[in-house]
Amino acid sequence: MFDLIERGLNPAVTSTVTLLELLVQPYRDQKDELAQRIFALAGTYPRLEWVSVTMNVADRAAELRARYRLSTPDAIQLATAILHKAVRFYGNDRGLRKVKEIECVLIDELI
């Protein structure tokens, strides 16, 4: 999946919430240097568009969260993907299977 993104064969968009989620464990483990490396790498990842949470994203996320009982981060991620015309969403939560607005692929099923 990441190889396809890097080669430009699968353009990708993600919310800045992804960065939040990536940094939690290093900070929890007091590995600030690792957190800084992740932060630096995220900003330079080729062909990956980072999108901030806007009012439109928040509105769509609230709608998705209400409809499918998703977590707030998942709803924000999905709303970002949908509003940016992504064709599929990759995630870890099995609850994503019930989402109808976009194809959801569970990462652990790819392995």
N, C-alpha and C. Protein backbone atom coordinates (compact mmCIF):
# COMPACT_ATOMS: atom_id res chain seq x y z
N MET A 1 0.83 -1.19 0.00
CA MET A 1 0.00 0.00 0.00
C MET A 1 0.88 1.25 0.00
N PHE A 2 1.85 1.33 0.91
CA PHE A 2 2.70 2.52 1.00
C PHE A 2 3.59 2.65 -0.23
N ASP A 3 4.02 1.52 -0.77
CA ASP A 3 4.83 1.55 -1.98
C ASP A 3 4.05 2.18 -3.13
N LEU A 4 2.79 1.84 -3.25
CA LEU A 4 1.95 2.41 -4.31
C LEU A 4 1.78 3.91 -4.14
N ILE A 5 1.66 4.35 -2.89
CA ILE A 5 1.55 5.79 -2.62
C ILE A 5 2.84 6.49 -3.03
N GLU A 6 3.97 5.94 -2.59
CA GLU A 6 5.27 6.55 -2.89
C GLU A 6 5.52 6.67 -4.38
N ARG A 7 5.09 5.66 -5.14
CA ARG A 7 5.33 5.66 -6.58
C ARG A 7 4.28 6.48 -7.35
N GLY A 8 3.32 7.05 -6.62
CA GLY A 8 2.31 7.87 -7.27
C GLY A 8 1.20 7.09 -7.93
N LEU A 9 1.13 5.80 -7.67
CA LEU A 9 0.10 4.96 -8.28
C LEU A 9 -1.19 4.94 -7.47
N ASN A 10 -1.11 5.41 -6.24
CA ASN A 10 -2.27 5.44 -5.36
C ASN A 10 -2.21 6.72 -4.53
N PRO A 11 -2.67 7.85 -5.10
CA PRO A 11 -2.61 9.10 -4.35
C PRO A 11 -3.35 8.95 -3.03
N ALA A 12 -2.84 9.57 -2.00
CA ALA A 12 -3.42 9.38 -0.67
C ALA A 12 -3.67 10.71 0.02
N VAL A 13 -4.69 10.71 0.84
CA VAL A 13 -5.03 11.86 1.67
C VAL A 13 -5.29 11.33 3.07
N THR A 14 -4.89 12.10 4.06
CA THR A 14 -5.16 11.71 5.44
C THR A 14 -5.35 12.95 6.29
N SER A 15 -6.04 12.79 7.37
CA SER A 15 -6.26 13.89 8.30
C SER A 15 -5.05 14.06 9.21
N THR A 16 -4.88 15.26 9.71
CA THR A 16 -3.82 15.48 10.69
C THR A 16 -4.09 14.68 11.96
N VAL A 17 -5.29 14.16 12.10
CA VAL A 17 -5.60 13.27 13.23
C VAL A 17 -4.73 12.02 13.15
N THR A 18 -4.34 11.62 11.96
CA THR A 18 -3.42 10.48 11.80
C THR A 18 -2.13 10.74 12.55
N LEU A 19 -1.60 11.94 12.41
CA LEU A 19 -0.37 12.29 13.11
C LEU A 19 -0.56 12.21 14.62
N LEU A 20 -1.68 12.72 15.09
CA LEU A 20 -2.00 12.62 16.52
C LEU A 20 -1.94 11.16 16.96
N GLU A 21 -2.59 10.29 16.20
CA GLU A 21 -2.64 8.88 16.57
C GLU A 21 -1.27 8.22 16.52
N LEU A 22 -0.45 8.60 15.55
CA LEU A 22 0.90 8.04 15.44
C LEU A 22 1.81 8.46 16.59
N LEU A 23 1.57 9.64 17.14
CA LEU A 23 2.47 10.18 18.16
C LEU A 23 2.10 9.78 19.59
N VAL A 24 0.91 9.28 19.82
CA VAL A 24 0.46 8.97 21.18
C VAL A 24 1.38 7.98 21.88
N GLN A 25 1.64 6.84 21.25
CA GLN A 25 2.44 5.80 21.93
C GLN A 25 3.86 6.25 22.22
N PRO A 26 4.57 6.87 21.27
CA PRO A 26 5.92 7.35 21.62
C PRO A 26 5.90 8.34 22.80
N TYR A 27 4.94 9.24 22.81
CA TYR A 27 4.86 10.18 23.94
C TYR A 27 4.50 9.45 25.23
N ARG A 28 3.59 8.48 25.14
CA ARG A 28 3.21 7.72 26.32
C ARG A 28 4.41 6.97 26.90
N ASP A 29 5.25 6.46 25.99
CA ASP A 29 6.45 5.72 26.40
C ASP A 29 7.63 6.65 26.69
N GLN A 30 7.39 7.95 26.66
CA GLN A 30 8.41 8.97 26.90
C GLN A 30 9.58 8.84 25.92
N LYS A 31 9.25 8.53 24.69
CA LYS A 31 10.25 8.43 23.62
C LYS A 31 10.09 9.65 22.71
N ASP A 32 10.47 10.79 23.26
CA ASP A 32 10.29 12.05 22.54
C ASP A 32 11.09 12.09 21.24
N GLU A 33 12.26 11.48 21.23
CA GLU A 33 13.07 11.48 20.01
C GLU A 33 12.35 10.72 18.89
N LEU A 34 11.75 9.59 19.24
CA LEU A 34 10.98 8.83 18.25
C LEU A 34 9.80 9.65 17.75
N ALA A 35 9.11 10.31 18.66
CA ALA A 35 7.98 11.16 18.27
C ALA A 35 8.43 12.25 17.30
N GLN A 36 9.57 12.84 17.56
CA GLN A 36 10.09 13.89 16.67
C GLN A 36 10.43 13.33 15.29
N ARG A 37 10.97 12.12 15.25
CA ARG A 37 11.31 11.49 13.96
C ARG A 37 10.04 11.19 13.16
N ILE A 38 9.03 10.67 13.86
CA ILE A 38 7.75 10.39 13.19
C ILE A 38 7.15 11.68 12.64
N PHE A 39 7.19 12.73 13.45
CA PHE A 39 6.65 14.02 13.03
C PHE A 39 7.37 14.52 11.78
N ALA A 40 8.69 14.43 11.79
CA ALA A 40 9.49 14.90 10.65
C ALA A 40 9.22 14.06 9.40
N LEU A 41 9.14 12.76 9.57
CA LEU A 41 8.89 11.87 8.43
C LEU A 41 7.51 12.11 7.85
N ALA A 42 6.53 12.30 8.70
CA ALA A 42 5.15 12.49 8.23
C ALA A 42 5.05 13.68 7.29
N GLY A 43 5.74 14.73 7.61
CA GLY A 43 5.67 15.94 6.79
C GLY A 43 6.35 15.83 5.45
N THR A 44 7.18 14.81 5.28
CA THR A 44 7.93 14.68 4.03
C THR A 44 7.53 13.43 3.24
N TYR A 45 6.52 12.71 3.70
CA TYR A 45 6.13 11.48 3.01
C TYR A 45 5.64 11.82 1.61
N PRO A 46 6.20 11.19 0.59
CA PRO A 46 5.86 11.55 -0.79
C PRO A 46 4.43 11.20 -1.17
N ARG A 47 3.79 12.13 -1.84
CA ARG A 47 2.47 11.95 -2.44
C ARG A 47 1.37 11.65 -1.41
N LEU A 48 1.56 12.16 -0.22
CA LEU A 48 0.54 12.04 0.82
C LEU A 48 0.09 13.45 1.20
N GLU A 49 -1.19 13.72 1.01
CA GLU A 49 -1.73 15.03 1.33
C GLU A 49 -2.29 15.03 2.75
N TRP A 50 -1.80 15.94 3.57
CA TRP A 50 -2.27 16.09 4.95
C TRP A 50 -3.36 17.16 4.97
N VAL A 51 -4.49 16.84 5.59
CA VAL A 51 -5.64 17.74 5.61
C VAL A 51 -6.01 18.06 7.05
N SER A 52 -6.13 19.35 7.34
CA SER A 52 -6.57 19.77 8.68
C SER A 52 -8.07 19.57 8.84
N VAL A 53 -8.51 19.51 10.07
CA VAL A 53 -9.94 19.36 10.35
C VAL A 53 -10.60 20.73 10.18
N THR A 54 -11.45 20.81 9.18
CA THR A 54 -12.19 22.05 8.91
C THR A 54 -13.60 21.91 9.47
N MET A 55 -14.37 22.97 9.38
CA MET A 55 -15.76 22.90 9.84
C MET A 55 -16.55 21.91 8.98
N ASN A 56 -16.27 21.86 7.69
CA ASN A 56 -16.97 20.90 6.82
C ASN A 56 -16.62 19.46 7.18
N VAL A 57 -15.35 19.23 7.47
CA VAL A 57 -14.93 17.88 7.90
C VAL A 57 -15.61 17.54 9.22
N ALA A 58 -15.62 18.48 10.16
CA ALA A 58 -16.25 18.23 11.46
C ALA A 58 -17.74 17.92 11.31
N ASP A 59 -18.41 18.67 10.44
CA ASP A 59 -19.84 18.44 10.22
C ASP A 59 -20.09 17.05 9.64
N ARG A 60 -19.33 16.70 8.61
CA ARG A 60 -19.50 15.37 7.99
C ARG A 60 -19.12 14.26 8.97
N ALA A 61 -18.08 14.50 9.77
CA ALA A 61 -17.66 13.51 10.77
C ALA A 61 -18.75 13.29 11.81
N ALA A 62 -19.39 14.36 12.24
CA ALA A 62 -20.48 14.23 13.22
C ALA A 62 -21.62 13.40 12.64
N GLU A 63 -21.93 13.65 11.37
CA GLU A 63 -22.98 12.89 10.68
C GLU A 63 -22.62 11.40 10.62
N LEU A 64 -21.39 11.11 10.23
CA LEU A 64 -20.93 9.71 10.15
C LEU A 64 -20.89 9.06 11.52
N ARG A 65 -20.43 9.81 12.51
CA ARG A 65 -20.34 9.27 13.87
C ARG A 65 -21.72 8.92 14.41
N ALA A 66 -22.67 9.80 14.15
CA ALA A 66 -24.05 9.55 14.60
C ALA A 66 -24.65 8.34 13.88
N ARG A 67 -24.45 8.26 12.58
CA ARG A 67 -25.06 7.20 11.77
C ARG A 67 -24.47 5.83 12.09
N TYR A 68 -23.16 5.76 12.25
CA TYR A 68 -22.49 4.47 12.38
C TYR A 68 -21.89 4.19 13.76
N ARG A 69 -22.08 5.12 14.69
CA ARG A 69 -21.52 4.96 16.04
C ARG A 69 -20.01 4.74 16.02
N LEU A 70 -19.33 5.55 15.22
CA LEU A 70 -17.88 5.47 15.09
C LEU A 70 -17.20 6.27 16.19
N SER A 71 -15.93 5.99 16.41
CA SER A 71 -15.14 6.84 17.30
C SER A 71 -14.93 8.18 16.59
N THR A 72 -14.65 9.20 17.37
CA THR A 72 -14.40 10.52 16.77
C THR A 72 -13.23 10.48 15.79
N PRO A 73 -12.08 9.88 16.15
CA PRO A 73 -10.98 9.85 15.17
C PRO A 73 -11.36 9.14 13.86
N ASP A 74 -12.04 8.01 13.96
CA ASP A 74 -12.44 7.29 12.74
C ASP A 74 -13.40 8.13 11.90
N ALA A 75 -14.34 8.80 12.56
CA ALA A 75 -15.30 9.63 11.83
C ALA A 75 -14.59 10.79 11.12
N ILE A 76 -13.62 11.40 11.79
CA ILE A 76 -12.85 12.49 11.16
C ILE A 76 -12.06 11.96 9.97
N GLN A 77 -11.43 10.82 10.16
CA GLN A 77 -10.65 10.23 9.07
C GLN A 77 -11.54 9.92 7.86
N LEU A 78 -12.67 9.31 8.12
CA LEU A 78 -13.60 8.97 7.03
C LEU A 78 -14.13 10.21 6.34
N ALA A 79 -14.53 11.20 7.11
CA ALA A 79 -15.05 12.44 6.53
C ALA A 79 -14.00 13.09 5.65
N THR A 80 -12.76 13.09 6.10
CA THR A 80 -11.67 13.66 5.31
C THR A 80 -11.54 12.92 3.99
N ALA A 81 -11.54 11.60 4.05
CA ALA A 81 -11.42 10.80 2.83
C ALA A 81 -12.59 11.04 1.88
N ILE A 82 -13.79 11.04 2.40
CA ILE A 82 -14.98 11.22 1.57
C ILE A 82 -15.00 12.59 0.92
N LEU A 83 -14.73 13.62 1.70
CA LEU A 83 -14.78 14.98 1.17
C LEU A 83 -13.66 15.27 0.16
N HIS A 84 -12.60 14.47 0.23
CA HIS A 84 -11.50 14.64 -0.72
C HIS A 84 -11.56 13.60 -1.84
N LYS A 85 -12.73 12.98 -1.98
CA LYS A 85 -13.01 12.07 -3.10
C LYS A 85 -12.10 10.84 -3.16
N ALA A 86 -11.68 10.36 -2.00
CA ALA A 86 -10.91 9.11 -1.96
C ALA A 86 -11.84 7.97 -2.38
N VAL A 87 -11.26 6.94 -2.97
CA VAL A 87 -12.08 5.81 -3.40
C VAL A 87 -12.13 4.70 -2.36
N ARG A 88 -11.16 4.71 -1.44
CA ARG A 88 -11.22 3.73 -0.36
C ARG A 88 -10.54 4.29 0.88
N PHE A 89 -10.89 3.67 2.02
CA PHE A 89 -10.37 4.07 3.32
C PHE A 89 -9.75 2.85 3.98
N TYR A 90 -8.55 3.01 4.49
CA TYR A 90 -7.87 1.92 5.19
C TYR A 90 -7.90 2.20 6.68
N GLY A 91 -8.30 1.20 7.47
CA GLY A 91 -8.36 1.38 8.91
C GLY A 91 -8.26 0.05 9.62
N ASN A 92 -8.39 0.11 10.95
CA ASN A 92 -8.24 -1.09 11.78
C ASN A 92 -9.53 -1.52 12.47
N ASP A 93 -10.53 -0.66 12.50
CA ASP A 93 -11.74 -0.92 13.26
C ASP A 93 -12.74 -1.73 12.44
N ARG A 94 -13.15 -2.88 12.95
CA ARG A 94 -14.11 -3.73 12.23
C ARG A 94 -15.46 -3.05 12.02
N GLY A 95 -15.75 -2.06 12.85
CA GLY A 95 -17.00 -1.31 12.70
C GLY A 95 -17.07 -0.53 11.39
N LEU A 96 -15.93 -0.36 10.74
CA LEU A 96 -15.89 0.36 9.47
C LEU A 96 -16.63 -0.39 8.36
N ARG A 97 -16.82 -1.69 8.54
CA ARG A 97 -17.49 -2.50 7.51
C ARG A 97 -18.91 -2.03 7.22
N LYS A 98 -19.55 -1.39 8.19
CA LYS A 98 -20.93 -0.97 7.99
C LYS A 98 -21.05 0.36 7.23
N VAL A 99 -19.94 1.05 7.03
CA VAL A 99 -19.95 2.34 6.34
C VAL A 99 -20.24 2.13 4.86
N LYS A 100 -21.19 2.89 4.33
CA LYS A 100 -21.64 2.72 2.95
C LYS A 100 -21.05 3.78 2.00
N GLU A 101 -20.61 4.91 2.51
CA GLU A 101 -20.22 6.03 1.67
C GLU A 101 -18.88 5.86 0.95
N ILE A 102 -18.05 4.94 1.43
CA ILE A 102 -16.73 4.73 0.86
C ILE A 102 -16.32 3.28 1.14
N GLU A 103 -15.57 2.69 0.23
CA GLU A 103 -15.07 1.34 0.46
C GLU A 103 -14.07 1.38 1.62
N CYS A 104 -14.28 0.54 2.62
CA CYS A 104 -13.38 0.47 3.77
C CYS A 104 -12.64 -0.86 3.76
N VAL A 105 -11.32 -0.78 3.86
CA VAL A 105 -10.46 -1.96 3.84
C VAL A 105 -9.78 -2.06 5.20
N LEU A 106 -9.89 -3.24 5.82
CA LEU A 106 -9.22 -3.45 7.10
C LEU A 106 -7.77 -3.84 6.85
N ILE A 107 -6.87 -3.10 7.46
CA ILE A 107 -5.45 -3.29 7.22
C ILE A 107 -4.99 -4.69 7.57
N ASP A 108 -5.49 -5.24 8.68
CA ASP A 108 -5.03 -6.58 9.08
C ASP A 108 -5.46 -7.67 8.09
N GLU A 109 -6.44 -7.38 7.26
CA GLU A 109 -6.85 -8.34 6.23
C GLU A 109 -5.96 -8.28 5.00
N LEU A 110 -5.14 -7.25 4.90
CA LEU A 110 -4.21 -7.12 3.78
C LEU A 110 -2.95 -7.93 4.01
N ILE A 111 -2.68 -8.25 5.26
CA ILE A 111 -1.43 -8.93 5.63
C ILE A 111 -1.58 -10.43 5.54
